[in-house]
Amino acid sequence: KSGKGDEALKQILQSGEEICTTVINVHEILYGLHKYGKPVKEILLLPVLHYIKKDAALSSRIELEAEERGSPIRRTDAMIAAITMNNGANLYTFDLKHFNPLKSLGLKLFP
C-alpha cells in the first residue's frame, strides 16, 4: 500500500464506481509485489477484465495509430486501453503521460 494508492482508492470508492482491473494490470502488480516481497492476497480479490480477441483487434489498431502519429506507446498500455474501452469502463491511472493521448481514440479516464 502507498499513500498515493490509498488516496486513489478512497476517491474511487467515494465516486460509487465499480472497481475492477485488467489481467494485464494484475500481472504488473503481482510482479512488483513478488519483487519486493509484499503480500498478494488483496489484489487477487478484485474482479478482473480479461484480454480476448476483440481486445487484441482494438489494441493492435491503437498501437499502430500511436506509432503512425509519431508517439509510440507500450504494447501493454494499448492492451489495457483496449480492454477498458471494449468494456465501457473508465481507466484510473497514475500514468497519465502514456494514456492521455489515447483519449482521442475513445479512452475514458477517471474521474
PDB file of N, CA and C in Angstrom:
ATOM      1  N   LYS A   1       0.841  -1.184   0.000  1.00  0.00           N
ATOM      2  CA  LYS A   1       0.000   0.000   0.000  1.00  0.00           C
ATOM      3  C   LYS A   1       0.883   1.242   0.000  1.00  0.00           C
ATOM      4  N   SER A   2       0.365   2.269  -0.627  1.00  0.00           N
ATOM      5  CA  SER A   2       1.086   3.538  -0.635  1.00  0.00           C
ATOM      6  C   SER A   2       0.085   4.644  -0.371  1.00  0.00           C
ATOM      7  N   GLY A   3       0.574   5.777   0.085  1.00  0.00           N
ATOM      8  CA  GLY A   3      -0.313   6.910   0.315  1.00  0.00           C
ATOM      9  C   GLY A   3      -1.038   7.311  -0.948  1.00  0.00           C
ATOM     10  N   LYS A   4      -0.314   7.317  -2.049  1.00  0.00           N
ATOM     11  CA  LYS A   4      -0.897   7.673  -3.349  1.00  0.00           C
ATOM     12  C   LYS A   4      -1.986   6.668  -3.734  1.00  0.00           C
ATOM     13  N   GLY A   5      -1.696   5.387  -3.563  1.00  0.00           N
ATOM     14  CA  GLY A   5      -2.663   4.343  -3.891  1.00  0.00           C
ATOM     15  C   GLY A   5      -3.871   4.372  -2.976  1.00  0.00           C
ATOM     16  N   ASP A   6      -3.640   4.618  -1.693  1.00  0.00           N
ATOM     17  CA  ASP A   6      -4.747   4.698  -0.739  1.00  0.00           C
ATOM     18  C   ASP A   6      -5.672   5.859  -1.077  1.00  0.00           C
ATOM     19  N   GLU A   7      -5.100   6.999  -1.450  1.00  0.00           N
ATOM     20  CA  GLU A   7      -5.909   8.169  -1.812  1.00  0.00           C
ATOM     21  C   GLU A   7      -6.714   7.897  -3.077  1.00  0.00           C
ATOM     22  N   ALA A   8      -6.105   7.218  -4.036  1.00  0.00           N
ATOM     23  CA  ALA A   8      -6.805   6.876  -5.276  1.00  0.00           C
ATOM     24  C   ALA A   8      -7.980   5.957  -4.987  1.00  0.00           C
ATOM     25  N   LEU A   9      -7.749   4.946  -4.164  1.00  0.00           N
ATOM     26  CA  LEU A   9      -8.818   4.009  -3.821  1.00  0.00           C
ATOM     27  C   LEU A   9      -9.954   4.726  -3.108  1.00  0.00           C
ATOM     28  N   LYS A  10      -9.616   5.626  -2.207  1.00  0.00           N
ATOM     29  CA  LYS A  10     -10.632   6.408  -1.492  1.00  0.00           C
ATOM     30  C   LYS A  10     -11.480   7.211  -2.483  1.00  0.00           C
ATOM     31  N   GLN A  11     -10.830   7.847  -3.457  1.00  0.00           N
ATOM     32  CA  GLN A  11     -11.537   8.654  -4.454  1.00  0.00           C
ATOM     33  C   GLN A  11     -12.480   7.786  -5.296  1.00  0.00           C
ATOM     34  N   ILE A  12     -12.020   6.611  -5.683  1.00  0.00           N
ATOM     35  CA  ILE A  12     -12.853   5.710  -6.487  1.00  0.00           C
ATOM     36  C   ILE A  12     -14.041   5.221  -5.670  1.00  0.00           C
ATOM     37  N   LEU A  13     -13.804   4.824  -4.424  1.00  0.00           N
ATOM     38  CA  LEU A  13     -14.891   4.340  -3.574  1.00  0.00           C
ATOM     39  C   LEU A  13     -15.939   5.422  -3.353  1.00  0.00           C
ATOM     40  N   GLN A  14     -15.502   6.656  -3.150  1.00  0.00           N
ATOM     41  CA  GLN A  14     -16.433   7.763  -2.935  1.00  0.00           C
ATOM     42  C   GLN A  14     -17.251   8.065  -4.183  1.00  0.00           C
ATOM     43  N   SER A  15     -16.728   7.738  -5.351  1.00  0.00           N
ATOM     44  CA  SER A  15     -17.435   8.024  -6.602  1.00  0.00           C
ATOM     45  C   SER A  15     -18.584   7.054  -6.845  1.00  0.00           C
ATOM     46  N   GLY A  16     -18.540   5.911  -6.181  1.00  0.00           N
ATOM     47  CA  GLY A  16     -19.562   4.898  -6.416  1.00  0.00           C
ATOM     48  C   GLY A  16     -19.276   4.021  -7.626  1.00  0.00           C
ATOM     49  N   GLU A  17     -18.153   4.247  -8.292  1.00  0.00           N
ATOM     50  CA  GLU A  17     -17.769   3.427  -9.447  1.00  0.00           C
ATOM     51  C   GLU A  17     -17.474   2.004  -8.989  1.00  0.00           C
ATOM     52  N   GLU A  18     -17.800   1.038  -9.843  1.00  0.00           N
ATOM     53  CA  GLU A  18     -17.388  -0.336  -9.577  1.00  0.00           C
ATOM     54  C   GLU A  18     -15.888  -0.423  -9.823  1.00  0.00           C
ATOM     55  N   ILE A  19     -15.221  -1.221  -9.029  1.00  0.00           N
ATOM     56  CA  ILE A  19     -13.774  -1.357  -9.157  1.00  0.00           C
ATOM     57  C   ILE A  19     -13.441  -2.715  -9.751  1.00  0.00           C
ATOM     58  N   CYS A  20     -12.591  -2.697 -10.752  1.00  0.00           N
ATOM     59  CA  CYS A  20     -12.047  -3.927 -11.315  1.00  0.00           C
ATOM     60  C   CYS A  20     -10.687  -3.586 -11.895  1.00  0.00           C
ATOM     61  N   THR A  21     -10.019  -4.577 -12.385  1.00  0.00           N
ATOM     62  CA  THR A  21      -8.719  -4.358 -13.002  1.00  0.00           C
ATOM     63  C   THR A  21      -8.623  -5.242 -14.232  1.00  0.00           C
ATOM     64  N   THR A  22      -7.570  -5.059 -14.998  1.00  0.00           N
ATOM     65  CA  THR A  22      -7.376  -5.915 -16.167  1.00  0.00           C
ATOM     66  C   THR A  22      -6.364  -6.996 -15.818  1.00  0.00           C
ATOM     67  N   VAL A  23      -6.406  -8.060 -16.574  1.00  0.00           N
ATOM     68  CA  VAL A  23      -5.456  -9.145 -16.359  1.00  0.00           C
ATOM     69  C   VAL A  23      -4.023  -8.647 -16.578  1.00  0.00           C
ATOM     70  N   ILE A  24      -3.845  -7.660 -17.444  1.00  0.00           N
ATOM     71  CA  ILE A  24      -2.515  -7.087 -17.683  1.00  0.00           C
ATOM     72  C   ILE A  24      -2.028  -6.365 -16.423  1.00  0.00           C
ATOM     73  N   ASN A  25      -2.936  -5.598 -15.790  1.00  0.00           N
ATOM     74  CA  ASN A  25      -2.573  -4.901 -14.559  1.00  0.00           C
ATOM     75  C   ASN A  25      -2.269  -5.879 -13.433  1.00  0.00           C
ATOM     76  N   VAL A  26      -3.018  -6.983 -13.375  1.00  0.00           N
ATOM     77  CA  VAL A  26      -2.747  -7.990 -12.345  1.00  0.00           C
ATOM     78  C   VAL A  26      -1.310  -8.483 -12.486  1.00  0.00           C
ATOM     79  N   HIS A  27      -0.898  -8.759 -13.710  1.00  0.00           N
ATOM     80  CA  HIS A  27       0.483  -9.190 -13.939  1.00  0.00           C
ATOM     81  C   HIS A  27       1.471  -8.133 -13.439  1.00  0.00           C
ATOM     82  N   GLU A  28       1.253  -6.877 -13.834  1.00  0.00           N
ATOM     83  CA  GLU A  28       2.179  -5.804 -13.448  1.00  0.00           C
ATOM     84  C   GLU A  28       2.238  -5.641 -11.928  1.00  0.00           C
ATOM     85  N   ILE A  29       1.073  -5.702 -11.280  1.00  0.00           N
ATOM     86  CA  ILE A  29       1.014  -5.528  -9.825  1.00  0.00           C
ATOM     87  C   ILE A  29       1.665  -6.711  -9.114  1.00  0.00           C
ATOM     88  N   LEU A  30       1.327  -7.932  -9.548  1.00  0.00           N
ATOM     89  CA  LEU A  30       1.906  -9.117  -8.908  1.00  0.00           C
ATOM     90  C   LEU A  30       3.421  -9.162  -9.075  1.00  0.00           C
ATOM     91  N   TYR A  31       3.902  -8.762 -10.231  1.00  0.00           N
ATOM     92  CA  TYR A  31       5.353  -8.703 -10.448  1.00  0.00           C
ATOM     93  C   TYR A  31       6.004  -7.818  -9.380  1.00  0.00           C
ATOM     94  N   GLY A  32       5.452  -6.627  -9.199  1.00  0.00           N
ATOM     95  CA  GLY A  32       6.009  -5.708  -8.206  1.00  0.00           C
ATOM     96  C   GLY A  32       5.891  -6.237  -6.787  1.00  0.00           C
ATOM     97  N   LEU A  33       4.754  -6.845  -6.458  1.00  0.00           N
ATOM     98  CA  LEU A  33       4.576  -7.384  -5.110  1.00  0.00           C
ATOM     99  C   LEU A  33       5.550  -8.525  -4.845  1.00  0.00           C
ATOM    100  N   HIS A  34       5.694  -9.421  -5.816  1.00  0.00           N
ATOM    101  CA  HIS A  34       6.644 -10.528  -5.653  1.00  0.00           C
ATOM    102  C   HIS A  34       8.079 -10.003  -5.564  1.00  0.00           C
ATOM    103  N   LYS A  35       8.395  -9.043  -6.395  1.00  0.00           N
ATOM    104  CA  LYS A  35       9.757  -8.496  -6.433  1.00  0.00           C
ATOM    105  C   LYS A  35      10.164  -7.918  -5.084  1.00  0.00           C
ATOM    106  N   TYR A  36       9.216  -7.242  -4.427  1.00  0.00           N
ATOM    107  CA  TYR A  36       9.535  -6.581  -3.168  1.00  0.00           C
ATOM    108  C   TYR A  36       9.021  -7.339  -1.945  1.00  0.00           C
ATOM    109  N   GLY A  37       8.599  -8.595  -2.141  1.00  0.00           N
ATOM    110  CA  GLY A  37       8.194  -9.436  -1.022  1.00  0.00           C
ATOM    111  C   GLY A  37       6.965  -8.949  -0.289  1.00  0.00           C
ATOM    112  N   LYS A  38       6.026  -8.373  -1.020  1.00  0.00           N
ATOM    113  CA  LYS A  38       4.795  -7.853  -0.416  1.00  0.00           C
ATOM    114  C   LYS A  38       3.682  -8.898  -0.529  1.00  0.00           C
ATOM    115  N   PRO A  39       2.677  -8.833   0.360  1.00  0.00           N
ATOM    116  CA  PRO A  39       1.560  -9.785   0.271  1.00  0.00           C
ATOM    117  C   PRO A  39       0.727  -9.547  -0.989  1.00  0.00           C
ATOM    118  N   VAL A  40       0.189 -10.630  -1.550  1.00  0.00           N
ATOM    119  CA  VAL A  40      -0.536 -10.522  -2.816  1.00  0.00           C
ATOM    120  C   VAL A  40      -2.029 -10.801  -2.687  1.00  0.00           C
ATOM    121  N   LYS A  41      -2.506 -11.214  -1.550  1.00  0.00           N
ATOM    122  CA  LYS A  41      -3.885 -11.682  -1.402  1.00  0.00           C
ATOM    123  C   LYS A  41      -4.930 -10.653  -1.837  1.00  0.00           C
ATOM    124  N   GLU A  42      -4.802  -9.408  -1.418  1.00  0.00           N
ATOM    125  CA  GLU A  42      -5.835  -8.403  -1.691  1.00  0.00           C
ATOM    126  C   GLU A  42      -6.052  -8.172  -3.181  1.00  0.00           C
ATOM    127  N   ILE A  43      -4.998  -8.120  -3.961  1.00  0.00           N
ATOM    128  CA  ILE A  43      -5.143  -7.866  -5.399  1.00  0.00           C
ATOM    129  C   ILE A  43      -5.903  -8.999  -6.066  1.00  0.00           C
ATOM    130  N   LEU A  44      -5.769 -10.206  -5.544  1.00  0.00           N
ATOM    131  CA  LEU A  44      -6.436 -11.352  -6.155  1.00  0.00           C
ATOM    132  C   LEU A  44      -7.942 -11.353  -5.903  1.00  0.00           C
ATOM    133  N   LEU A  45      -8.420 -10.491  -5.030  1.00  0.00           N
ATOM    134  CA  LEU A  45      -9.849 -10.405  -4.735  1.00  0.00           C
ATOM    135  C   LEU A  45     -10.602  -9.508  -5.716  1.00  0.00           C
ATOM    136  N   LEU A  46      -9.893  -8.675  -6.454  1.00  0.00           N
ATOM    137  CA  LEU A  46     -10.537  -7.756  -7.398  1.00  0.00           C
ATOM    138  C   LEU A  46     -11.115  -8.501  -8.596  1.00  0.00           C
ATOM    139  N   PRO A  47     -12.294  -8.080  -9.079  1.00  0.00           N
ATOM    140  CA  PRO A  47     -12.790  -8.628 -10.346  1.00  0.00           C
ATOM    141  C   PRO A  47     -11.817  -8.259 -11.468  1.00  0.00           C
ATOM    142  N   VAL A  48     -11.647  -9.165 -12.422  1.00  0.00           N
ATOM    143  CA  VAL A  48     -10.653  -8.979 -13.478  1.00  0.00           C
ATOM    144  C   VAL A  48     -11.313  -8.999 -14.852  1.00  0.00           C
ATOM    145  N   LEU A  49     -10.981  -8.005 -15.672  1.00  0.00           N
ATOM    146  CA  LEU A  49     -11.382  -7.987 -17.077  1.00  0.00           C
ATOM    147  C   LEU A  49     -10.276  -8.673 -17.869  1.00  0.00           C
ATOM    148  N   HIS A  50     -10.651  -9.685 -18.639  1.00  0.00           N
ATOM    149  CA  HIS A  50      -9.664 -10.474 -19.375  1.00  0.00           C
ATOM    150  C   HIS A  50      -9.418  -9.910 -20.766  1.00  0.00           C
ATOM    151  N   TYR A  51      -8.312 -10.300 -21.348  1.00  0.00           N
ATOM    152  CA  TYR A  51      -7.902  -9.881 -22.690  1.00  0.00           C
ATOM    153  C   TYR A  51      -8.376 -10.947 -23.664  1.00  0.00           C
ATOM    154  N   ILE A  52      -9.280 -10.550 -24.570  1.00  0.00           N
ATOM    155  CA  ILE A  52      -9.843 -11.502 -25.526  1.00  0.00           C
ATOM    156  C   ILE A  52      -9.617 -10.996 -26.953  1.00  0.00           C
ATOM    157  N   LYS A  53     -10.085 -11.768 -27.927  1.00  0.00           N
ATOM    158  CA  LYS A  53      -9.796 -11.450 -29.336  1.00  0.00           C
ATOM    159  C   LYS A  53     -10.200 -10.041 -29.742  1.00  0.00           C
ATOM    160  N   LYS A  54     -11.376  -9.584 -29.312  1.00  0.00           N
ATOM    161  CA  LYS A  54     -11.784  -8.234 -29.727  1.00  0.00           C
ATOM    162  C   LYS A  54     -10.856  -7.180 -29.126  1.00  0.00           C
ATOM    163  N   ASP A  55     -10.277  -7.472 -27.963  1.00  0.00           N
ATOM    164  CA  ASP A  55      -9.304  -6.556 -27.370  1.00  0.00           C
ATOM    165  C   ASP A  55      -8.007  -6.566 -28.172  1.00  0.00           C
ATOM    166  N   ALA A  56      -7.618  -7.750 -28.649  1.00  0.00           N
ATOM    167  CA  ALA A  56      -6.412  -7.854 -29.482  1.00  0.00           C
ATOM    168  C   ALA A  56      -6.586  -7.050 -30.764  1.00  0.00           C
ATOM    169  N   ALA A  57      -7.783  -7.142 -31.361  1.00  0.00           N
ATOM    170  CA  ALA A  57      -8.042  -6.392 -32.592  1.00  0.00           C
ATOM    171  C   ALA A  57      -7.934  -4.887 -32.340  1.00  0.00           C
ATOM    172  N   LEU A  58      -8.545  -4.416 -31.254  1.00  0.00           N
ATOM    173  CA  LEU A  58      -8.514  -2.984 -30.952  1.00  0.00           C
ATOM    174  C   LEU A  58      -7.123  -2.536 -30.505  1.00  0.00           C
ATOM    175  N   SER A  59      -6.472  -3.302 -29.655  1.00  0.00           N
ATOM    176  CA  SER A  59      -5.162  -2.864 -29.148  1.00  0.00           C
ATOM    177  C   SER A  59      -4.120  -2.796 -30.254  1.00  0.00           C
ATOM    178  N   SER A  60      -4.215  -3.688 -31.229  1.00  0.00           N
ATOM    179  CA  SER A  60      -3.253  -3.626 -32.338  1.00  0.00           C
ATOM    180  C   SER A  60      -3.462  -2.354 -33.153  1.00  0.00           C
ATOM    181  N   ARG A  61      -4.733  -1.950 -33.319  1.00  0.00           N
ATOM    182  CA  ARG A  61      -5.010  -0.698 -34.039  1.00  0.00           C
ATOM    183  C   ARG A  61      -4.551   0.512 -33.223  1.00  0.00           C
ATOM    184  N   ILE A  62      -4.794   0.480 -31.918  1.00  0.00           N
ATOM    185  CA  ILE A  62      -4.360   1.577 -31.045  1.00  0.00           C
ATOM    186  C   ILE A  62      -2.844   1.733 -31.107  1.00  0.00           C
ATOM    187  N   GLU A  63      -2.137   0.620 -31.001  1.00  0.00           N
ATOM    188  CA  GLU A  63      -0.670   0.662 -31.025  1.00  0.00           C
ATOM    189  C   GLU A  63      -0.158   1.213 -32.354  1.00  0.00           C
ATOM    190  N   LEU A  64      -0.757   0.758 -33.453  1.00  0.00           N
ATOM    191  CA  LEU A  64      -0.333   1.209 -34.777  1.00  0.00           C
ATOM    192  C   LEU A  64      -0.633   2.696 -34.980  1.00  0.00           C
ATOM    193  N   GLU A  65      -1.838   3.143 -34.579  1.00  0.00           N
ATOM    194  CA  GLU A  65      -2.194   4.559 -34.731  1.00  0.00           C
ATOM    195  C   GLU A  65      -1.246   5.454 -33.937  1.00  0.00           C
ATOM    196  N   ALA A  66      -0.905   5.030 -32.723  1.00  0.00           N
ATOM    197  CA  ALA A  66       0.021   5.820 -31.903  1.00  0.00           C
ATOM    198  C   ALA A  66       1.392   5.892 -32.572  1.00  0.00           C
ATOM    199  N   GLU A  67       1.825   4.774 -33.120  1.00  0.00           N
ATOM    200  CA  GLU A  67       3.114   4.733 -33.819  1.00  0.00           C
ATOM    201  C   GLU A  67       3.099   5.641 -35.044  1.00  0.00           C
ATOM    202  N   GLU A  68       2.002   5.591 -35.809  1.00  0.00           N
ATOM    203  CA  GLU A  68       1.894   6.419 -37.017  1.00  0.00           C
ATOM    204  C   GLU A  68       1.831   7.904 -36.690  1.00  0.00           C
ATOM    205  N   ARG A  69       1.312   8.259 -35.507  1.00  0.00           N
ATOM    206  CA  ARG A  69       1.269   9.664 -35.074  1.00  0.00           C
ATOM    207  C   ARG A  69       2.628  10.136 -34.568  1.00  0.00           C
ATOM    208  N   GLY A  70       3.571   9.208 -34.488  1.00  0.00           N
ATOM    209  CA  GLY A  70       4.900   9.570 -34.013  1.00  0.00           C
ATOM    210  C   GLY A  70       5.053   9.530 -32.513  1.00  0.00           C
ATOM    211  N   SER A  71       4.079   8.950 -31.822  1.00  0.00           N
ATOM    212  CA  SER A  71       4.182   8.828 -30.366  1.00  0.00           C
ATOM    213  C   SER A  71       3.853   7.393 -29.958  1.00  0.00           C
ATOM    214  N   PRO A  72       4.787   6.474 -30.240  1.00  0.00           N
ATOM    215  CA  PRO A  72       4.526   5.070 -29.929  1.00  0.00           C
ATOM    216  C   PRO A  72       4.250   4.854 -28.445  1.00  0.00           C
ATOM    217  N   ILE A  73       3.443   3.845 -28.156  1.00  0.00           N
ATOM    218  CA  ILE A  73       3.113   3.517 -26.770  1.00  0.00           C
ATOM    219  C   ILE A  73       3.526   2.081 -26.487  1.00  0.00           C
ATOM    220  N   ARG A  74       3.608   1.761 -25.213  1.00  0.00           N
ATOM    221  CA  ARG A  74       3.929   0.383 -24.833  1.00  0.00           C
ATOM    222  C   ARG A  74       2.774  -0.527 -25.236  1.00  0.00           C
ATOM    223  N   ARG A  75       3.121  -1.706 -25.685  1.00  0.00           N
ATOM    224  CA  ARG A  75       2.101  -2.677 -26.093  1.00  0.00           C
ATOM    225  C   ARG A  75       1.126  -2.960 -24.948  1.00  0.00           C
ATOM    226  N   THR A  76       1.640  -3.093 -23.726  1.00  0.00           N
ATOM    227  CA  THR A  76       0.752  -3.375 -22.600  1.00  0.00           C
ATOM    228  C   THR A  76      -0.219  -2.224 -22.351  1.00  0.00           C
ATOM    229  N   ASP A  77       0.199  -0.991 -22.590  1.00  0.00           N
ATOM    230  CA  ASP A  77      -0.713   0.147 -22.437  1.00  0.00           C
ATOM    231  C   ASP A  77      -1.827   0.089 -23.475  1.00  0.00           C
ATOM    232  N   ALA A  78      -1.499  -0.290 -24.701  1.00  0.00           N
ATOM    233  CA  ALA A  78      -2.523  -0.446 -25.740  1.00  0.00           C
ATOM    234  C   ALA A  78      -3.496  -1.551 -25.360  1.00  0.00           C
ATOM    235  N   MET A  79      -2.984  -2.626 -24.775  1.00  0.00           N
ATOM    236  CA  MET A  79      -3.831  -3.741 -24.359  1.00  0.00           C
ATOM    237  C   MET A  79      -4.771  -3.325 -23.230  1.00  0.00           C
ATOM    238  N   ILE A  80      -4.250  -2.604 -22.251  1.00  0.00           N
ATOM    239  CA  ILE A  80      -5.067  -2.121 -21.132  1.00  0.00           C
ATOM    240  C   ILE A  80      -6.140  -1.165 -21.644  1.00  0.00           C
ATOM    241  N   ALA A  81      -5.764  -0.261 -22.531  1.00  0.00           N
ATOM    242  CA  ALA A  81      -6.731   0.689 -23.097  1.00  0.00           C
ATOM    243  C   ALA A  81      -7.834  -0.047 -23.848  1.00  0.00           C
ATOM    244  N   ALA A  82      -7.482  -1.050 -24.638  1.00  0.00           N
ATOM    245  CA  ALA A  82      -8.477  -1.792 -25.416  1.00  0.00           C
ATOM    246  C   ALA A  82      -9.448  -2.537 -24.510  1.00  0.00           C
ATOM    247  N   ILE A  83      -8.935  -3.189 -23.487  1.00  0.00           N
ATOM    248  CA  ILE A  83      -9.811  -3.900 -22.542  1.00  0.00           C
ATOM    249  C   ILE A  83     -10.777  -2.913 -21.907  1.00  0.00           C
ATOM    250  N   THR A  84     -10.251  -1.781 -21.476  1.00  0.00           N
ATOM    251  CA  THR A  84     -11.067  -0.753 -20.830  1.00  0.00           C
ATOM    252  C   THR A  84     -12.144  -0.237 -21.777  1.00  0.00           C
ATOM    253  N   MET A  85     -11.756   0.114 -22.994  1.00  0.00           N
ATOM    254  CA  MET A  85     -12.699   0.670 -23.969  1.00  0.00           C
ATOM    255  C   MET A  85     -13.768  -0.351 -24.354  1.00  0.00           C
ATOM    256  N   ASN A  86     -13.375  -1.583 -24.603  1.00  0.00           N
ATOM    257  CA  ASN A  86     -14.334  -2.604 -25.024  1.00  0.00           C
ATOM    258  C   ASN A  86     -15.317  -2.987 -23.926  1.00  0.00           C
ATOM    259  N   ASN A  87     -14.970  -2.690 -22.683  1.00  0.00           N
ATOM    260  CA  ASN A  87     -15.868  -2.978 -21.569  1.00  0.00           C
ATOM    261  C   ASN A  87     -16.633  -1.744 -21.103  1.00  0.00           C
ATOM    262  N   GLY A  88     -16.481  -0.625 -21.828  1.00  0.00           N
ATOM    263  CA  GLY A  88     -17.200   0.598 -21.479  1.00  0.00           C
ATOM    264  C   GLY A  88     -16.814   1.136 -20.115  1.00  0.00           C
ATOM    265  N   ALA A  89     -15.585   0.885 -19.713  1.00  0.00           N
ATOM    266  CA  ALA A  89     -15.127   1.295 -18.386  1.00  0.00           C
ATOM    267  C   ALA A  89     -14.306   2.578 -18.470  1.00  0.00           C
ATOM    268  N   ASN A  90     -14.087   3.176 -17.316  1.00  0.00           N
ATOM    269  CA  ASN A  90     -13.179   4.309 -17.179  1.00  0.00           C
ATOM    270  C   ASN A  90     -11.865   3.784 -16.626  1.00  0.00           C
ATOM    271  N   LEU A  91     -10.769   4.351 -17.066  1.00  0.00           N
ATOM    272  CA  LEU A  91      -9.451   3.929 -16.611  1.00  0.00           C
ATOM    273  C   LEU A  91      -8.931   4.901 -15.567  1.00  0.00           C
ATOM    274  N   TYR A  92      -8.570   4.378 -14.406  1.00  0.00           N
ATOM    275  CA  TYR A  92      -7.906   5.182 -13.386  1.00  0.00           C
ATOM    276  C   TYR A  92      -6.432   4.815 -13.442  1.00  0.00           C
ATOM    277  N   THR A  93      -5.591   5.791 -13.668  1.00  0.00           N
ATOM    278  CA  THR A  93      -4.161   5.526 -13.802  1.00  0.00           C
ATOM    279  C   THR A  93      -3.344   6.679 -13.252  1.00  0.00           C
ATOM    280  N   PHE A  94      -2.163   6.343 -12.747  1.00  0.00           N
ATOM    281  CA  PHE A  94      -1.191   7.366 -12.372  1.00  0.00           C
ATOM    282  C   PHE A  94      -0.305   7.690 -13.564  1.00  0.00           C
ATOM    283  N   ASP A  95      -0.432   6.915 -14.623  1.00  0.00           N
ATOM    284  CA  ASP A  95       0.424   7.018 -15.806  1.00  0.00           C
ATOM    285  C   ASP A  95      -0.264   7.855 -16.894  1.00  0.00           C
ATOM    286  N   LEU A  96      -0.646   9.071 -16.553  1.00  0.00           N
ATOM    287  CA  LEU A  96      -1.389   9.918 -17.492  1.00  0.00           C
ATOM    288  C   LEU A  96      -0.588  10.225 -18.748  1.00  0.00           C
ATOM    289  N   LYS A  97       0.719  10.304 -18.623  1.00  0.00           N
ATOM    290  CA  LYS A  97       1.564  10.610 -19.781  1.00  0.00           C
ATOM    291  C   LYS A  97       1.353   9.573 -20.889  1.00  0.00           C
ATOM    292  N   HIS A  98       1.190   8.322 -20.511  1.00  0.00           N
ATOM    293  CA  HIS A  98       1.006   7.268 -21.508  1.00  0.00           C
ATOM    294  C   HIS A  98      -0.427   7.169 -22.009  1.00  0.00           C
ATOM    295  N   PHE A  99      -1.404   7.466 -21.148  1.00  0.00           N
ATOM    296  CA  PHE A  99      -2.795   7.223 -21.517  1.00  0.00           C
ATOM    297  C   PHE A  99      -3.548   8.449 -22.015  1.00  0.00           C
ATOM    298  N   ASN A 100      -3.140   9.664 -21.649  1.00  0.00           N
ATOM    299  CA  ASN A 100      -3.829  10.867 -22.138  1.00  0.00           C
ATOM    300  C   ASN A 100      -3.942  10.919 -23.660  1.00  0.00           C
ATOM    301  N   PRO A 101      -2.882  10.568 -24.409  1.00  0.00           N
ATOM    302  CA  PRO A 101      -3.003  10.618 -25.872  1.00  0.00           C
ATOM    303  C   PRO A 101      -4.059   9.661 -26.431  1.00  0.00           C
ATOM    304  N   LEU A 102      -4.440   8.660 -25.660  1.00  0.00           N
ATOM    305  CA  LEU A 102      -5.414   7.680 -26.144  1.00  0.00           C
ATOM    306  C   LEU A 102      -6.857   8.150 -25.964  1.00  0.00           C
ATOM    307  N   LYS A 103      -7.037   9.268 -25.274  1.00  0.00           N
ATOM    308  CA  LYS A 103      -8.392   9.813 -25.123  1.00  0.00           C
ATOM    309  C   LYS A 103      -8.987  10.163 -26.481  1.00  0.00           C
ATOM    310  N   SER A 104      -8.150  10.602 -27.408  1.00  0.00           N
ATOM    311  CA  SER A 104      -8.651  10.956 -28.743  1.00  0.00           C
ATOM    312  C   SER A 104      -9.153   9.729 -29.503  1.00  0.00           C
ATOM    313  N   LEU A 105      -8.786   8.543 -29.041  1.00  0.00           N
ATOM    314  CA  LEU A 105      -9.252   7.301 -29.669  1.00  0.00           C
ATOM    315  C   LEU A 105     -10.468   6.722 -28.955  1.00  0.00           C
ATOM    316  N   GLY A 106     -10.925   7.414 -27.914  1.00  0.00           N
ATOM    317  CA  GLY A 106     -12.129   6.979 -27.214  1.00  0.00           C
ATOM    318  C   GLY A 106     -11.910   6.467 -25.804  1.00  0.00           C
ATOM    319  N   LEU A 107     -10.678   6.470 -25.313  1.00  0.00           N
ATOM    320  CA  LEU A 107     -10.418   6.021 -23.950  1.00  0.00           C
ATOM    321  C   LEU A 107     -10.959   7.049 -22.964  1.00  0.00           C
ATOM    322  N   LYS A 108     -11.718   6.580 -21.975  1.00  0.00           N
ATOM    323  CA  LYS A 108     -12.253   7.457 -20.935  1.00  0.00           C
ATOM    324  C   LYS A 108     -11.418   7.279 -19.673  1.00  0.00           C
ATOM    325  N   LEU A 109     -10.875   8.390 -19.181  1.00  0.00           N
ATOM    326  CA  LEU A 109     -10.090   8.355 -17.955  1.00  0.00           C
ATOM    327  C   LEU A 109     -10.955   8.775 -16.781  1.00  0.00           C
ATOM    328  N   PHE A 110     -10.705   8.197 -15.616  1.00  0.00           N
ATOM    329  CA  PHE A 110     -11.423   8.533 -14.387  1.00  0.00           C
ATOM    330  C   PHE A 110     -10.574   9.521 -13.617  1.00  0.00           C
ATOM    331  N   PRO A 111     -11.095  10.522 -13.015  1.00  0.00           N
ATOM    332  CA  PRO A 111     -12.508  10.897 -12.988  1.00  0.00           C
ATOM    333  C   PRO A 111     -12.895  11.707 -14.195  1.00  0.00           C
TER     334      PRO A 111
END
